[in-house]
Amino acid sequence: MFIIEGPDCVGKTTVANKIVDAVNRLKKFPAYYQHMTRPPDTFDFHFHYRDMMSMFAVMDRFHLGALAYHPKGTLTESAREFVEEMLLNFRSMILIIYASNEQIYNQKLREHNREREEMFDFETLLKANKIFADEALGSKKEYCIWDITPEGSHELVYPNEFIIKYWSKLWVDYVLAKNN
């Protein structure tokens, strides 16, 4: 699995679809897009992720969203370790996309909200962005990370074709190496 995590409006869906296209152009295995919506109240954060795992899926949101969008403790440390151990068996890579510049991100959210209704309010999204940034920069886990508001930039910067190809090839090589 190639998992893309981050708050709303950072380009996760666009990046996911570009990775699917890039991987499929390599013709090594059939990658496909999958999106995790808000889990139902009956969702078991320890076990139900397993049913959603697939080696060739490019997943738009997954377990780290529980850290940002659900009450603290919803995804316990033991549940997270359990899920991440299972992810290793599915040749998973995780990309976290976030915005280090809260002002630019806030502007993007306000512009985007005029176009459509979001599931969460601005404050929740700003808090989620901070949680994802902290996870990307402060964790001992190995993530691919992308800041859409790099220092010195006054606009959003999304991954270009070279970066998409790099991540795609990295994932393909990882999956194929695990299969040999």
Protein backbone atom coordinates (compact mmCIF):
# COMPACT_ATOMS: atom_id res chain seq x y z
CA MET A 1 0.00 0.00 0.00
CA PHE A 2 1.04 3.54 -0.62
CA ILE A 3 -0.74 5.64 2.02
CA ILE A 4 -1.13 9.39 1.73
CA GLU A 5 -1.98 11.19 4.95
CA GLY A 6 -2.60 14.84 5.74
CA PRO A 7 -5.35 17.34 6.43
CA ASP A 8 -7.98 18.43 3.91
CA CYS A 9 -6.94 20.63 0.98
CA VAL A 10 -3.25 19.70 0.76
CA GLY A 11 -3.54 17.76 -2.50
CA LYS A 12 -3.74 14.16 -1.24
CA THR A 13 -6.27 13.01 -3.85
CA THR A 14 -4.39 14.65 -6.72
CA VAL A 15 -1.08 13.13 -5.60
CA ALA A 16 -2.72 9.72 -5.08
CA ASN A 17 -4.15 9.68 -8.60
CA LYS A 18 -0.82 10.79 -10.09
CA ILE A 19 0.98 7.99 -8.23
CA VAL A 20 -1.54 5.44 -9.51
CA ASP A 21 -0.93 6.67 -13.07
CA ALA A 22 2.86 6.67 -12.66
CA VAL A 23 2.93 3.16 -11.15
CA ASN A 24 0.62 1.78 -13.82
CA ARG A 25 2.86 3.26 -16.55
CA LEU A 26 5.71 1.17 -15.10
CA LYS A 27 3.57 -1.96 -15.75
CA LYS A 28 4.93 -3.88 -12.76
CA PHE A 29 1.64 -4.35 -10.90
CA PRO A 30 -1.89 -2.91 -11.12
CA ALA A 31 -2.08 0.03 -8.71
CA TYR A 32 -5.48 1.54 -7.95
CA TYR A 33 -6.90 4.47 -5.97
CA GLN A 34 -8.79 3.93 -2.72
CA HIS A 35 -10.19 6.56 -0.33
CA MET A 36 -10.95 6.14 3.35
CA THR A 37 -13.95 8.17 4.42
CA ARG A 38 -14.91 9.00 7.97
CA PRO A 39 -15.26 5.66 9.77
CA PRO A 40 -18.63 4.72 11.28
CA ASP A 41 -19.13 4.86 15.04
CA THR A 42 -18.83 1.05 15.15
CA PHE A 43 -15.33 1.13 13.59
CA ASP A 44 -12.77 -0.81 15.63
CA PHE A 45 -9.54 1.18 15.39
CA HIS A 46 -7.60 -1.93 16.34
CA PHE A 47 -8.89 -4.48 13.82
CA HIS A 48 -11.05 -2.93 11.06
CA TYR A 49 -8.11 -1.39 9.21
CA ARG A 50 -7.05 -4.91 8.22
CA ASP A 51 -10.11 -5.30 5.99
CA MET A 52 -9.12 -2.19 4.05
CA MET A 53 -5.50 -3.18 3.37
CA SER A 54 -4.41 -4.13 -0.11
CA MET A 55 -0.85 -4.36 -1.40
CA PHE A 56 -1.52 -2.46 -4.63
CA ALA A 57 -3.79 0.28 -3.28
CA VAL A 58 -2.82 3.93 -3.22
CA MET A 59 -4.80 4.94 -0.16
CA ASP A 60 -6.06 8.48 0.30
CA ARG A 61 -6.11 8.67 4.15
CA PHE A 62 -5.68 5.80 6.56
CA HIS A 63 -4.87 5.20 10.22
CA LEU A 64 -2.97 8.41 11.02
CA GLY A 65 -6.16 10.37 10.40
CA ALA A 66 -7.42 8.93 13.68
CA LEU A 67 -4.70 10.93 15.45
CA ALA A 68 -5.91 14.16 13.88
CA TYR A 69 -9.68 13.82 13.58
CA HIS A 70 -10.79 11.62 16.47
CA PRO A 71 -10.67 12.06 20.24
CA LYS A 72 -7.29 11.46 21.83
CA GLY A 73 -6.89 7.78 22.60
CA THR A 74 -9.17 6.56 19.80
CA LEU A 75 -6.16 5.02 18.10
CA THR A 76 -4.29 3.64 21.09
CA GLU A 77 -0.54 3.10 20.92
CA SER A 78 -1.05 -0.68 20.90
CA ALA A 79 -3.65 -0.42 18.11
CA ARG A 80 -1.32 1.81 16.11
CA GLU A 81 1.56 -0.65 16.54
CA PHE A 82 -0.73 -3.51 15.52
CA VAL A 83 -1.91 -1.67 12.37
CA GLU A 84 1.61 -0.61 11.43
CA GLU A 85 2.90 -4.16 11.88
CA MET A 86 0.20 -5.37 9.48
CA LEU A 87 1.12 -2.58 7.06
CA LEU A 88 4.65 -3.96 6.86
CA ASN A 89 3.18 -7.17 5.43
CA PHE A 90 1.45 -5.11 2.75
CA ARG A 91 4.69 -3.40 1.62
CA SER A 92 3.41 -0.06 2.80
CA MET A 93 4.92 3.36 2.37
CA ILE A 94 3.42 6.43 4.01
CA LEU A 95 3.54 9.95 2.62
CA ILE A 96 2.48 12.79 4.91
CA ILE A 97 1.55 16.06 3.23
CA TYR A 98 1.15 19.14 5.40
CA ALA A 99 1.48 22.94 5.34
CA SER A 100 4.13 24.52 7.56
CA ASN A 101 2.80 28.02 6.85
CA GLU A 102 -0.52 28.21 8.68
CA GLN A 103 -1.43 31.57 7.11
CA ILE A 104 -1.16 30.27 3.53
CA TYR A 105 -2.96 27.05 4.50
CA ASN A 106 -5.76 29.02 6.19
CA GLN A 107 -6.18 31.11 3.01
CA LYS A 108 -6.37 27.92 0.92
CA LEU A 109 -9.03 26.51 3.25
CA ARG A 110 -11.14 29.67 3.00
CA GLU A 111 -10.92 29.69 -0.80
CA HIS A 112 -11.71 25.99 -0.98
CA ASN A 113 -14.64 26.27 1.44
CA ARG A 114 -16.34 28.74 -0.90
CA GLU A 115 -16.35 25.98 -3.53
CA ARG A 116 -17.69 23.13 -1.38
CA GLU A 117 -18.69 22.15 2.14
CA GLU A 118 -16.00 20.32 4.14
CA MET A 119 -16.54 17.68 6.83
CA PHE A 120 -14.61 19.71 9.42
CA ASP A 121 -14.44 23.35 10.49
CA PHE A 122 -11.36 25.56 10.00
CA GLU A 123 -10.09 25.11 13.55
CA THR A 124 -10.27 21.33 13.31
CA LEU A 125 -8.40 21.39 9.99
CA LEU A 126 -5.71 23.74 11.33
CA LYS A 127 -5.27 21.49 14.37
CA ALA A 128 -5.13 18.41 12.12
CA ASN A 129 -2.50 20.07 9.95
CA LYS A 130 -0.35 20.68 13.03
CA ILE A 131 -0.76 17.06 14.16
CA PHE A 132 0.29 15.77 10.73
CA ALA A 133 3.27 18.17 10.63
CA ASP A 134 4.36 17.07 14.11
CA GLU A 135 4.06 13.41 13.08
CA ALA A 136 6.02 13.99 9.86
CA LEU A 137 8.81 15.94 11.50
CA GLY A 138 8.92 14.54 15.02
CA SER A 139 8.34 10.82 14.64
CA LYS A 140 11.05 8.20 14.53
CA LYS A 141 9.07 6.44 11.78
CA GLU A 142 10.29 6.56 8.20
CA TYR A 143 7.87 8.65 6.16
CA CYS A 144 8.03 10.41 2.86
CA ILE A 145 7.03 14.00 3.66
CA TRP A 146 5.96 17.01 1.60
CA ASP A 147 5.37 20.55 2.83
CA ILE A 148 3.07 22.42 0.42
CA THR A 149 4.18 25.75 1.94
CA PRO A 150 7.98 25.55 2.08
CA GLU A 151 9.96 28.33 3.72
CA GLY A 152 10.30 31.36 1.46
CA SER A 153 7.30 30.44 -0.68
CA HIS A 154 4.21 32.64 -0.74
CA GLU A 155 2.10 30.12 -2.59
CA LEU A 156 1.32 26.42 -2.48
CA VAL A 157 3.94 24.08 -3.90
CA TYR A 158 2.73 20.63 -4.91
CA PRO A 159 4.95 17.67 -5.84
CA ASN A 160 6.07 17.87 -9.46
CA GLU A 161 6.22 15.00 -11.95
CA PHE A 162 9.80 14.12 -10.99
CA ILE A 163 8.86 13.72 -7.30
CA ILE A 164 5.76 11.67 -8.20
CA LYS A 165 7.88 9.36 -10.37
CA TYR A 166 10.48 9.06 -7.61
CA TRP A 167 7.92 8.07 -4.96
CA SER A 168 6.23 5.69 -7.41
CA LYS A 169 9.48 3.94 -8.33
CA LEU A 170 10.53 3.77 -4.68
CA TRP A 171 7.26 2.03 -3.81
CA VAL A 172 7.39 -0.33 -6.79
CA ASP A 173 10.96 -1.34 -5.97
CA TYR A 174 9.99 -1.93 -2.32
CA VAL A 175 7.00 -4.10 -3.26
CA LEU A 176 8.98 -6.12 -5.79
CA ALA A 177 11.95 -6.57 -3.43
CA LYS A 178 9.65 -7.94 -0.74
CA ASN A 179 8.18 -10.41 -3.24
CA ASN A 180 11.56 -11.86 -4.23
